[in-house]
Amino acid sequence: MQPFTDPAPPPTNDDEARARDMIDAWTNVKTQLVVEEVRNGGMLGGPLFRKTFGAPPPIVPRHFVALYRTRESDLRVGAYIHYMAFRDVAWLCGGLCVEPAFYATAPDEVGACVKRMGGLGEIVLRDTFARLTDRCAIFGYCGDARQWQHDLNIGFVPAGPPRMLVRWTKAIADADREALIEEVRAMGAF
């Protein structure tokens, strides 16, 4: 069986801003909005995760938060996401949540630019995808139709099983891809 062709590198937020002809606005927003990896996801992302999912975030190896400055210059968490290692071959993406008050509390120019970039969730996914290229795939599990479309916008593709998405980051043989999808599917929702 022929190996899968090397996938294109994940698009960055700068790439997206250039494609939308808004690099100047995005450059300004980056002074007020940043996505950071944090060791303790519960400390910064926990309140938002609990508000969204009704439980504390899992203890997994990789946690990311989007921090932004409000109109009053307060620093707040605008979004949270985590990634769990699946053996040494893939990342399992989960728990993406966005602060419902983000657009109401962010400066107008930040909110407008973020919306034009696809929303804060897409920005967080693009940023983290660009960092997680050390394994052959990133898997997602999504049951929300609106989020499914955002996931497709940033490079996920349907993996086959219901609600499962994948972003291939390295070339692997078709048979290995299918086997990996089946292993992840057997885990159930993550």
N, C-alpha and C. Protein backbone atom coordinates (compact mmCIF):
# COMPACT_ATOMS: atom_id res chain seq x y z
N MET A 1 0.84 -1.18 0.00
CA MET A 1 0.00 0.00 0.00
C MET A 1 0.89 1.25 0.00
N GLN A 2 0.52 2.23 -0.79
CA GLN A 2 1.29 3.46 -0.89
C GLN A 2 1.15 4.29 0.39
N PRO A 3 2.24 4.92 0.85
CA PRO A 3 2.11 5.78 2.03
C PRO A 3 1.30 7.03 1.70
N PHE A 4 0.64 7.53 2.70
CA PHE A 4 -0.11 8.78 2.61
C PHE A 4 0.87 9.91 2.31
N THR A 5 0.51 10.80 1.42
CA THR A 5 1.36 11.93 1.07
C THR A 5 1.53 12.85 2.29
N ASP A 6 2.72 13.40 2.42
CA ASP A 6 2.97 14.33 3.52
C ASP A 6 1.92 15.42 3.54
N PRO A 7 1.26 15.59 4.66
CA PRO A 7 0.27 16.67 4.75
C PRO A 7 0.95 18.03 4.79
N ALA A 8 0.21 19.02 4.35
CA ALA A 8 0.72 20.38 4.43
C ALA A 8 0.86 20.78 5.89
N PRO A 9 1.82 21.63 6.20
CA PRO A 9 1.90 22.10 7.59
C PRO A 9 0.60 22.81 7.97
N PRO A 10 0.25 22.74 9.24
CA PRO A 10 -1.00 23.41 9.64
C PRO A 10 -0.88 24.91 9.42
N PRO A 11 -1.97 25.53 8.95
CA PRO A 11 -1.91 26.98 8.76
C PRO A 11 -1.82 27.68 10.12
N THR A 12 -1.04 28.72 10.16
CA THR A 12 -0.91 29.51 11.39
C THR A 12 -1.95 30.62 11.37
N ASN A 13 -2.09 31.28 12.49
CA ASN A 13 -2.99 32.44 12.53
C ASN A 13 -2.48 33.57 11.65
N ASP A 14 -1.16 33.71 11.54
CA ASP A 14 -0.62 34.72 10.63
C ASP A 14 -0.99 34.38 9.18
N ASP A 15 -0.90 33.08 8.81
CA ASP A 15 -1.31 32.66 7.46
C ASP A 15 -2.77 33.01 7.22
N GLU A 16 -3.62 32.73 8.21
CA GLU A 16 -5.06 33.01 8.07
C GLU A 16 -5.30 34.51 7.92
N ALA A 17 -4.59 35.31 8.69
CA ALA A 17 -4.75 36.76 8.61
C ALA A 17 -4.32 37.27 7.23
N ARG A 18 -3.22 36.74 6.70
CA ARG A 18 -2.78 37.14 5.36
C ARG A 18 -3.83 36.73 4.32
N ALA A 19 -4.36 35.52 4.44
CA ALA A 19 -5.36 35.03 3.48
C ALA A 19 -6.63 35.89 3.52
N ARG A 20 -6.93 36.44 4.68
CA ARG A 20 -8.14 37.28 4.82
C ARG A 20 -7.82 38.76 4.64
N ASP A 21 -6.58 39.06 4.25
CA ASP A 21 -6.13 40.44 4.02
C ASP A 21 -6.36 41.32 5.24
N MET A 22 -5.93 40.80 6.40
CA MET A 22 -6.09 41.55 7.64
C MET A 22 -4.88 41.40 8.56
N ILE A 23 -3.70 41.27 7.98
CA ILE A 23 -2.50 41.05 8.77
C ILE A 23 -2.22 42.21 9.73
N ASP A 24 -2.50 43.45 9.32
CA ASP A 24 -2.24 44.59 10.21
C ASP A 24 -3.14 44.53 11.44
N ALA A 25 -4.43 44.24 11.23
CA ALA A 25 -5.36 44.14 12.36
C ALA A 25 -4.95 43.00 13.27
N TRP A 26 -4.57 41.86 12.70
CA TRP A 26 -4.16 40.70 13.49
C TRP A 26 -2.88 41.00 14.27
N THR A 27 -1.94 41.69 13.67
CA THR A 27 -0.70 42.05 14.36
C THR A 27 -1.02 42.91 15.59
N ASN A 28 -1.97 43.82 15.48
CA ASN A 28 -2.38 44.63 16.61
C ASN A 28 -3.06 43.78 17.68
N VAL A 29 -3.91 42.86 17.26
CA VAL A 29 -4.63 42.01 18.22
C VAL A 29 -3.65 41.16 19.01
N LYS A 30 -2.57 40.70 18.39
CA LYS A 30 -1.60 39.85 19.08
C LYS A 30 -0.93 40.55 20.26
N THR A 31 -1.06 41.88 20.35
CA THR A 31 -0.54 42.58 21.52
C THR A 31 -1.51 42.49 22.70
N GLN A 32 -2.75 42.03 22.43
CA GLN A 32 -3.78 41.97 23.47
C GLN A 32 -4.36 40.57 23.68
N LEU A 33 -3.91 39.62 22.88
CA LEU A 33 -4.43 38.26 22.92
C LEU A 33 -3.27 37.30 22.67
N VAL A 34 -3.12 36.31 23.54
CA VAL A 34 -2.03 35.36 23.38
C VAL A 34 -2.51 33.97 23.79
N VAL A 35 -2.05 32.95 23.09
CA VAL A 35 -2.32 31.56 23.46
C VAL A 35 -1.04 31.02 24.10
N GLU A 36 -1.18 30.52 25.32
CA GLU A 36 -0.03 30.02 26.07
C GLU A 36 -0.26 28.61 26.57
N GLU A 37 0.79 27.82 26.56
CA GLU A 37 0.72 26.51 27.20
C GLU A 37 0.99 26.70 28.69
N VAL A 38 0.18 26.04 29.51
CA VAL A 38 0.34 26.16 30.96
C VAL A 38 0.44 24.77 31.57
N ARG A 39 1.21 24.66 32.64
CA ARG A 39 1.36 23.37 33.31
C ARG A 39 0.12 22.97 34.09
N ASN A 40 -0.51 23.95 34.70
CA ASN A 40 -1.67 23.66 35.54
C ASN A 40 -2.93 24.17 34.84
N GLY A 41 -3.53 23.31 34.04
CA GLY A 41 -4.72 23.70 33.30
C GLY A 41 -5.89 24.03 34.20
N GLY A 42 -5.97 23.35 35.34
CA GLY A 42 -7.08 23.59 36.26
C GLY A 42 -7.04 24.97 36.88
N MET A 43 -5.84 25.49 37.09
CA MET A 43 -5.71 26.79 37.75
C MET A 43 -6.25 27.92 36.86
N LEU A 44 -5.83 27.94 35.60
CA LEU A 44 -6.27 29.02 34.71
C LEU A 44 -7.52 28.66 33.90
N GLY A 45 -7.57 27.45 33.37
CA GLY A 45 -8.69 27.06 32.53
C GLY A 45 -9.82 26.38 33.28
N GLY A 46 -9.57 25.98 34.53
CA GLY A 46 -10.55 25.22 35.29
C GLY A 46 -11.91 25.89 35.44
N PRO A 47 -11.96 27.16 35.86
CA PRO A 47 -13.28 27.79 36.01
C PRO A 47 -14.09 27.81 34.71
N LEU A 48 -13.45 28.12 33.60
CA LEU A 48 -14.15 28.13 32.32
C LEU A 48 -14.57 26.71 31.92
N PHE A 49 -13.68 25.74 32.11
CA PHE A 49 -14.01 24.35 31.78
C PHE A 49 -15.19 23.87 32.62
N ARG A 50 -15.16 24.17 33.92
CA ARG A 50 -16.26 23.75 34.80
C ARG A 50 -17.58 24.41 34.40
N LYS A 51 -17.52 25.69 34.04
CA LYS A 51 -18.72 26.40 33.61
C LYS A 51 -19.28 25.77 32.33
N THR A 52 -18.40 25.31 31.45
CA THR A 52 -18.83 24.76 30.17
C THR A 52 -19.26 23.29 30.27
N PHE A 53 -18.48 22.48 31.00
CA PHE A 53 -18.70 21.04 31.00
C PHE A 53 -19.20 20.48 32.34
N GLY A 54 -19.25 21.31 33.38
CA GLY A 54 -19.78 20.86 34.66
C GLY A 54 -18.86 19.95 35.45
N ALA A 55 -17.58 19.95 35.12
CA ALA A 55 -16.60 19.11 35.81
C ALA A 55 -15.24 19.78 35.71
N PRO A 56 -14.29 19.40 36.55
CA PRO A 56 -12.95 19.98 36.43
C PRO A 56 -12.26 19.42 35.18
N PRO A 57 -11.30 20.16 34.64
CA PRO A 57 -10.57 19.65 33.47
C PRO A 57 -9.74 18.42 33.86
N PRO A 58 -9.53 17.53 32.92
CA PRO A 58 -8.72 16.35 33.23
C PRO A 58 -7.26 16.72 33.44
N ILE A 59 -6.56 15.84 34.11
CA ILE A 59 -5.12 16.03 34.28
C ILE A 59 -4.48 15.33 33.08
N VAL A 60 -4.07 16.10 32.12
CA VAL A 60 -3.44 15.59 30.90
C VAL A 60 -2.15 16.36 30.67
N PRO A 61 -1.33 15.86 29.77
CA PRO A 61 -0.01 16.50 29.64
C PRO A 61 0.00 17.91 29.09
N ARG A 62 -0.94 18.29 28.23
CA ARG A 62 -0.82 19.59 27.57
C ARG A 62 -2.10 20.41 27.76
N HIS A 63 -1.96 21.61 28.31
CA HIS A 63 -3.06 22.54 28.52
C HIS A 63 -2.68 23.87 27.88
N PHE A 64 -3.66 24.50 27.21
CA PHE A 64 -3.44 25.80 26.59
C PHE A 64 -4.59 26.73 26.96
N VAL A 65 -4.26 27.99 27.17
CA VAL A 65 -5.27 29.00 27.42
C VAL A 65 -5.03 30.19 26.50
N ALA A 66 -6.12 30.83 26.10
CA ALA A 66 -6.03 32.10 25.39
C ALA A 66 -6.27 33.18 26.43
N LEU A 67 -5.30 34.04 26.60
CA LEU A 67 -5.40 35.15 27.54
C LEU A 67 -5.60 36.43 26.74
N TYR A 68 -6.46 37.30 27.26
CA TYR A 68 -6.71 38.56 26.57
C TYR A 68 -6.88 39.68 27.58
N ARG A 69 -6.66 40.89 27.09
CA ARG A 69 -6.89 42.09 27.89
C ARG A 69 -8.30 42.59 27.60
N THR A 70 -9.05 42.86 28.67
CA THR A 70 -10.41 43.39 28.53
C THR A 70 -10.34 44.88 28.22
N ARG A 71 -11.51 45.48 28.03
CA ARG A 71 -11.59 46.92 27.81
C ARG A 71 -11.01 47.68 28.99
N GLU A 72 -11.10 47.07 30.17
CA GLU A 72 -10.58 47.70 31.40
C GLU A 72 -9.12 47.32 31.65
N SER A 73 -8.49 46.62 30.72
CA SER A 73 -7.10 46.16 30.80
C SER A 73 -6.88 45.02 31.78
N ASP A 74 -7.95 44.38 32.25
CA ASP A 74 -7.79 43.18 33.08
C ASP A 74 -7.35 42.03 32.18
N LEU A 75 -6.53 41.14 32.72
CA LEU A 75 -6.12 39.95 31.99
C LEU A 75 -7.09 38.82 32.32
N ARG A 76 -7.70 38.21 31.29
CA ARG A 76 -8.69 37.15 31.50
C ARG A 76 -8.42 35.97 30.59
N VAL A 77 -8.95 34.81 31.01
CA VAL A 77 -8.91 33.62 30.17
C VAL A 77 -10.09 33.69 29.21
N GLY A 78 -9.79 33.65 27.92
CA GLY A 78 -10.83 33.68 26.90
C GLY A 78 -11.19 32.31 26.37
N ALA A 79 -10.24 31.37 26.46
CA ALA A 79 -10.50 30.01 25.96
C ALA A 79 -9.53 29.04 26.62
N TYR A 80 -9.91 27.77 26.58
CA TYR A 80 -9.10 26.69 27.15
C TYR A 80 -9.23 25.48 26.24
N ILE A 81 -8.16 24.69 26.15
CA ILE A 81 -8.16 23.41 25.43
C ILE A 81 -7.07 22.52 26.02
N HIS A 82 -7.29 21.21 25.92
CA HIS A 82 -6.24 20.29 26.38
C HIS A 82 -5.99 19.21 25.34
N TYR A 83 -4.81 18.59 25.45
CA TYR A 83 -4.40 17.51 24.57
C TYR A 83 -3.83 16.38 25.41
N MET A 84 -4.30 15.17 25.12
CA MET A 84 -3.84 13.98 25.81
C MET A 84 -3.02 13.15 24.82
N ALA A 85 -1.90 12.64 25.28
CA ALA A 85 -1.07 11.79 24.43
C ALA A 85 -1.76 10.45 24.21
N PHE A 86 -1.73 9.98 22.98
CA PHE A 86 -2.19 8.64 22.66
C PHE A 86 -0.98 7.87 22.17
N ARG A 87 -0.49 7.00 23.05
CA ARG A 87 0.79 6.33 22.83
C ARG A 87 1.81 7.39 22.41
N ASP A 88 2.66 7.07 21.47
CA ASP A 88 3.63 8.07 21.01
C ASP A 88 3.33 8.49 19.57
N VAL A 89 2.07 8.27 19.13
CA VAL A 89 1.75 8.52 17.73
C VAL A 89 0.73 9.62 17.49
N ALA A 90 -0.06 10.00 18.50
CA ALA A 90 -1.12 10.97 18.24
C ALA A 90 -1.41 11.80 19.49
N TRP A 91 -2.10 12.90 19.26
CA TRP A 91 -2.66 13.72 20.32
C TRP A 91 -4.18 13.63 20.23
N LEU A 92 -4.83 13.60 21.39
CA LEU A 92 -6.29 13.62 21.46
C LEU A 92 -6.68 14.99 21.98
N CYS A 93 -7.37 15.74 21.15
CA CYS A 93 -7.75 17.12 21.44
C CYS A 93 -9.11 17.12 22.12
N GLY A 94 -9.24 17.86 23.20
CA GLY A 94 -10.53 17.91 23.87
C GLY A 94 -10.72 19.14 24.73
N GLY A 95 -11.95 19.31 25.15
CA GLY A 95 -12.27 20.33 26.12
C GLY A 95 -12.20 21.76 25.64
N LEU A 96 -12.25 21.99 24.34
CA LEU A 96 -12.21 23.37 23.86
C LEU A 96 -13.44 24.12 24.38
N CYS A 97 -13.18 25.21 25.07
CA CYS A 97 -14.28 26.04 25.55
C CYS A 97 -13.86 27.50 25.44
N VAL A 98 -14.84 28.33 25.11
CA VAL A 98 -14.61 29.77 24.93
C VAL A 98 -15.49 30.52 25.92
N GLU A 99 -14.91 31.50 26.55
CA GLU A 99 -15.63 32.35 27.51
C GLU A 99 -16.79 33.05 26.81
N PRO A 100 -18.03 32.81 27.25
CA PRO A 100 -19.18 33.45 26.59
C PRO A 100 -19.11 34.97 26.60
N ALA A 101 -18.47 35.57 27.58
CA ALA A 101 -18.40 37.03 27.68
C ALA A 101 -17.22 37.62 26.90
N PHE A 102 -16.48 36.79 26.17
CA PHE A 102 -15.29 37.29 25.48
C PHE A 102 -15.59 38.51 24.61
N TYR A 103 -16.55 38.39 23.70
CA TYR A 103 -16.81 39.48 22.76
C TYR A 103 -17.37 40.72 23.46
N ALA A 104 -18.07 40.52 24.56
CA ALA A 104 -18.63 41.66 25.30
C ALA A 104 -17.57 42.39 26.11
N THR A 105 -16.49 41.70 26.48
CA THR A 105 -15.48 42.30 27.34
C THR A 105 -14.19 42.66 26.61
N ALA A 106 -13.95 42.06 25.45
CA ALA A 106 -12.74 42.39 24.69
C ALA A 106 -12.91 43.75 24.02
N PRO A 107 -11.83 44.47 23.80
CA PRO A 107 -11.93 45.72 23.05
C PRO A 107 -12.57 45.45 21.68
N ASP A 108 -13.32 46.41 21.18
CA ASP A 108 -14.07 46.22 19.93
C ASP A 108 -13.20 45.74 18.78
N GLU A 109 -12.01 46.33 18.64
CA GLU A 109 -11.14 45.94 17.51
C GLU A 109 -10.64 44.51 17.66
N VAL A 110 -10.47 44.04 18.90
CA VAL A 110 -10.05 42.66 19.13
C VAL A 110 -11.19 41.71 18.78
N GLY A 111 -12.37 42.01 19.29
CA GLY A 111 -13.52 41.16 19.00
C GLY A 111 -13.82 41.07 17.52
N ALA A 112 -13.75 42.21 16.83
CA ALA A 112 -14.03 42.23 15.39
C ALA A 112 -13.01 41.41 14.61
N CYS A 113 -11.75 41.56 14.95
CA CYS A 113 -10.69 40.81 14.26
C CYS A 113 -10.83 39.31 14.54
N VAL A 114 -11.08 38.95 15.79
CA VAL A 114 -11.22 37.55 16.16
C VAL A 114 -12.38 36.92 15.40
N LYS A 115 -13.50 37.62 15.30
CA LYS A 115 -14.65 37.10 14.53
C LYS A 115 -14.26 36.87 13.07
N ARG A 116 -13.57 37.84 12.47
CA ARG A 116 -13.16 37.70 11.06
C ARG A 116 -12.18 36.55 10.86
N MET A 117 -11.45 36.18 11.91
CA MET A 117 -10.49 35.07 11.84
C MET A 117 -11.16 33.72 12.09
N GLY A 118 -12.48 33.72 12.26
CA GLY A 118 -13.20 32.46 12.47
C GLY A 118 -13.64 32.23 13.89
N GLY A 119 -13.25 33.12 14.79
CA GLY A 119 -13.62 32.99 16.19
C GLY A 119 -12.45 32.56 17.05
N LEU A 120 -12.61 32.74 18.35
CA LEU A 120 -11.52 32.44 19.28
C LEU A 120 -11.17 30.95 19.28
N GLY A 121 -12.16 30.09 19.15
CA GLY A 121 -11.89 28.64 19.10
C GLY A 121 -10.98 28.27 17.94
N GLU A 122 -11.26 28.83 16.76
CA GLU A 122 -10.41 28.55 15.59
C GLU A 122 -9.00 29.08 15.80
N ILE A 123 -8.89 30.25 16.41
CA ILE A 123 -7.56 30.82 16.67
C ILE A 123 -6.78 29.90 17.60
N VAL A 124 -7.42 29.41 18.65
CA VAL A 124 -6.75 28.51 19.59
C VAL A 124 -6.35 27.21 18.91
N LEU A 125 -7.25 26.64 18.12
CA LEU A 125 -6.92 25.39 17.42
C LEU A 125 -5.76 25.59 16.44
N ARG A 126 -5.79 26.65 15.64
CA ARG A 126 -4.68 26.88 14.70
C ARG A 126 -3.36 27.03 15.45
N ASP A 127 -3.38 27.79 16.53
CA ASP A 127 -2.16 28.02 17.30
C ASP A 127 -1.62 26.70 17.87
N THR A 128 -2.49 25.91 18.48
CA THR A 128 -2.02 24.67 19.11
C THR A 128 -1.64 23.62 18.07
N PHE A 129 -2.34 23.55 16.96
CA PHE A 129 -1.97 22.61 15.90
C PHE A 129 -0.55 22.89 15.42
N ALA A 130 -0.19 24.15 15.30
CA ALA A 130 1.15 24.50 14.83
C ALA A 130 2.22 24.07 15.82
N ARG A 131 1.86 23.89 17.08
CA ARG A 131 2.82 23.46 18.11
C ARG A 131 2.91 21.94 18.25
N LEU A 132 1.86 21.24 17.83
CA LEU A 132 1.77 19.80 18.08
C LEU A 132 2.03 19.01 16.80
N THR A 133 3.24 19.10 16.31
CA THR A 133 3.60 18.43 15.07
C THR A 133 4.55 17.25 15.29
N ASP A 134 4.74 16.86 16.55
CA ASP A 134 5.69 15.80 16.88
C ASP A 134 5.12 14.39 16.73
N ARG A 135 3.83 14.27 16.44
CA ARG A 135 3.18 12.96 16.28
C ARG A 135 2.48 12.96 14.93
N CYS A 136 2.01 11.82 14.50
CA CYS A 136 1.47 11.74 13.13
C CYS A 136 0.05 12.25 13.01
N ALA A 137 -0.67 12.45 14.12
CA ALA A 137 -2.06 12.88 14.00
C ALA A 137 -2.54 13.59 15.26
N ILE A 138 -3.55 14.41 15.06
CA ILE A 138 -4.31 15.00 16.16
C ILE A 138 -5.76 14.59 15.93
N PHE A 139 -6.36 13.96 16.93
CA PHE A 139 -7.75 13.54 16.83
C PHE A 139 -8.64 14.45 17.66
N GLY A 140 -9.83 14.65 17.20
CA GLY A 140 -10.84 15.39 17.93
C GLY A 140 -12.12 14.59 17.96
N TYR A 141 -12.96 14.89 18.93
CA TYR A 141 -14.25 14.24 19.07
C TYR A 141 -15.26 15.36 19.28
N CYS A 142 -16.23 15.47 18.38
CA CYS A 142 -17.11 16.64 18.42
C CYS A 142 -18.55 16.24 18.16
N GLY A 143 -19.44 16.65 19.04
CA GLY A 143 -20.86 16.38 18.87
C GLY A 143 -21.68 17.62 18.58
N ASP A 144 -21.05 18.77 18.46
CA ASP A 144 -21.75 20.03 18.23
C ASP A 144 -21.58 20.45 16.77
N ALA A 145 -22.69 20.65 16.07
CA ALA A 145 -22.64 20.96 14.63
C ALA A 145 -21.89 22.24 14.32
N ARG A 146 -22.07 23.28 15.12
CA ARG A 146 -21.34 24.54 14.87
C ARG A 146 -19.85 24.34 15.06
N GLN A 147 -19.47 23.64 16.14
CA GLN A 147 -18.04 23.42 16.38
C GLN A 147 -17.45 22.51 15.31
N TRP A 148 -18.24 21.53 14.83
CA TRP A 148 -17.77 20.64 13.76
C TRP A 148 -17.31 21.48 12.57
N GLN A 149 -18.09 22.48 12.18
CA GLN A 149 -17.72 23.32 11.06
C GLN A 149 -16.44 24.10 11.35
N HIS A 150 -16.30 24.61 12.56
CA HIS A 150 -15.05 25.30 12.93
C HIS A 150 -13.87 24.33 12.83
N ASP A 151 -14.08 23.11 13.29
CA ASP A 151 -13.01 22.10 13.23
C ASP A 151 -12.59 21.84 11.78
N LEU A 152 -13.56 21.73 10.89
CA LEU A 152 -13.24 21.54 9.47
C LEU A 152 -12.50 22.75 8.91
N ASN A 153 -12.90 23.94 9.35
CA ASN A 153 -12.26 25.18 8.86
C ASN A 153 -10.77 25.21 9.16
N ILE A 154 -10.34 24.60 10.25
CA ILE A 154 -8.93 24.71 10.63
C ILE A 154 -8.10 23.48 10.25
N GLY A 155 -8.70 22.54 9.52
CA GLY A 155 -7.89 21.45 9.00
C GLY A 155 -8.22 20.05 9.47
N PHE A 156 -9.14 19.91 10.42
CA PHE A 156 -9.61 18.57 10.75
C PHE A 156 -10.38 18.04 9.55
N VAL A 157 -10.39 16.71 9.39
CA VAL A 157 -11.23 16.04 8.41
C VAL A 157 -11.97 14.92 9.14
N PRO A 158 -13.16 14.54 8.66
CA PRO A 158 -13.86 13.42 9.30
C PRO A 158 -12.99 12.16 9.24
N ALA A 159 -12.88 11.47 10.37
CA ALA A 159 -12.04 10.27 10.44
C ALA A 159 -12.79 9.01 10.03
N GLY A 160 -14.10 9.07 9.98
CA GLY A 160 -14.89 7.89 9.64
C GLY A 160 -15.93 7.60 10.70
N PRO A 161 -15.49 7.23 11.92
CA PRO A 161 -16.46 7.00 12.98
C PRO A 161 -17.24 8.28 13.30
N PRO A 162 -18.51 8.15 13.70
CA PRO A 162 -19.30 9.34 14.03
C PRO A 162 -18.60 10.23 15.06
N ARG A 163 -18.66 11.52 14.82
CA ARG A 163 -18.13 12.57 15.71
C ARG A 163 -16.60 12.64 15.78
N MET A 164 -15.89 11.74 15.13
CA MET A 164 -14.43 11.73 15.21
C MET A 164 -13.82 12.48 14.02
N LEU A 165 -12.85 13.32 14.35
CA LEU A 165 -12.11 14.10 13.36
C LEU A 165 -10.62 13.80 13.51
N VAL A 166 -9.86 14.08 12.47
CA VAL A 166 -8.41 13.88 12.54
C VAL A 166 -7.72 14.95 11.70
N ARG A 167 -6.56 15.34 12.14
CA ARG A 167 -5.65 16.21 11.37
C ARG A 167 -4.35 15.46 11.27
N TRP A 168 -4.03 14.98 10.08
CA TRP A 168 -2.78 14.25 9.88
C TRP A 168 -1.63 15.22 9.83
N THR A 169 -0.58 14.96 10.58
CA THR A 169 0.57 15.86 10.64
C THR A 169 1.83 15.25 10.04
N LYS A 170 1.81 13.93 9.84
CA LYS A 170 2.94 13.23 9.23
C LYS A 170 2.40 12.16 8.30
N ALA A 171 3.20 11.81 7.32
CA ALA A 171 2.80 10.77 6.38
C ALA A 171 2.94 9.39 7.03
N ILE A 172 1.88 8.60 6.91
CA ILE A 172 1.93 7.19 7.33
C ILE A 172 1.12 6.38 6.32
N ALA A 173 1.41 5.10 6.26
CA ALA A 173 0.74 4.21 5.30
C ALA A 173 -0.76 4.16 5.60
N ASP A 174 -1.54 3.97 4.55
CA ASP A 174 -3.00 3.90 4.69
C ASP A 174 -3.42 2.87 5.73
N ALA A 175 -2.81 1.69 5.70
CA ALA A 175 -3.18 0.63 6.66
C ALA A 175 -2.91 1.08 8.09
N ASP A 176 -1.82 1.79 8.30
CA ASP A 176 -1.50 2.30 9.64
C ASP A 176 -2.47 3.39 10.06
N ARG A 177 -2.88 4.22 9.11
CA ARG A 177 -3.88 5.25 9.41
C ARG A 177 -5.18 4.61 9.86
N GLU A 178 -5.65 3.62 9.11
CA GLU A 178 -6.90 2.94 9.44
C GLU A 178 -6.81 2.25 10.80
N ALA A 179 -5.68 1.62 11.08
CA ALA A 179 -5.50 0.94 12.37
C ALA A 179 -5.51 1.95 13.52
N LEU A 180 -4.88 3.09 13.31
CA LEU A 180 -4.85 4.12 14.35
C LEU A 180 -6.25 4.69 14.59
N ILE A 181 -6.98 4.94 13.52
CA ILE A 181 -8.37 5.42 13.67
C ILE A 181 -9.18 4.41 14.48
N GLU A 182 -9.02 3.14 14.19
CA GLU A 182 -9.78 2.10 14.92
C GLU A 182 -9.39 2.05 16.39
N GLU A 183 -8.11 2.20 16.70
CA GLU A 183 -7.66 2.21 18.10
C GLU A 183 -8.27 3.39 18.86
N VAL A 184 -8.27 4.56 18.23
CA VAL A 184 -8.83 5.74 18.88
C VAL A 184 -10.35 5.60 19.02
N ARG A 185 -11.00 5.08 17.99
CA ARG A 185 -12.45 4.86 18.05
C ARG A 185 -12.82 3.94 19.19
N ALA A 186 -12.02 2.90 19.41
CA ALA A 186 -12.30 1.91 20.46
C ALA A 186 -12.26 2.53 21.86
N MET A 187 -11.58 3.65 22.01
CA MET A 187 -11.52 4.34 23.31
C MET A 187 -12.88 4.96 23.69
N GLY A 188 -13.68 5.30 22.69
CA GLY A 188 -14.90 6.05 22.94
C GLY A 188 -14.60 7.53 23.01
N ALA A 189 -15.57 8.29 23.45
CA ALA A 189 -15.40 9.75 23.52
C ALA A 189 -14.22 10.11 24.43
N PHE A 190 -13.49 11.11 24.04
CA PHE A 190 -12.36 11.57 24.86
C PHE A 190 -12.41 13.06 25.05
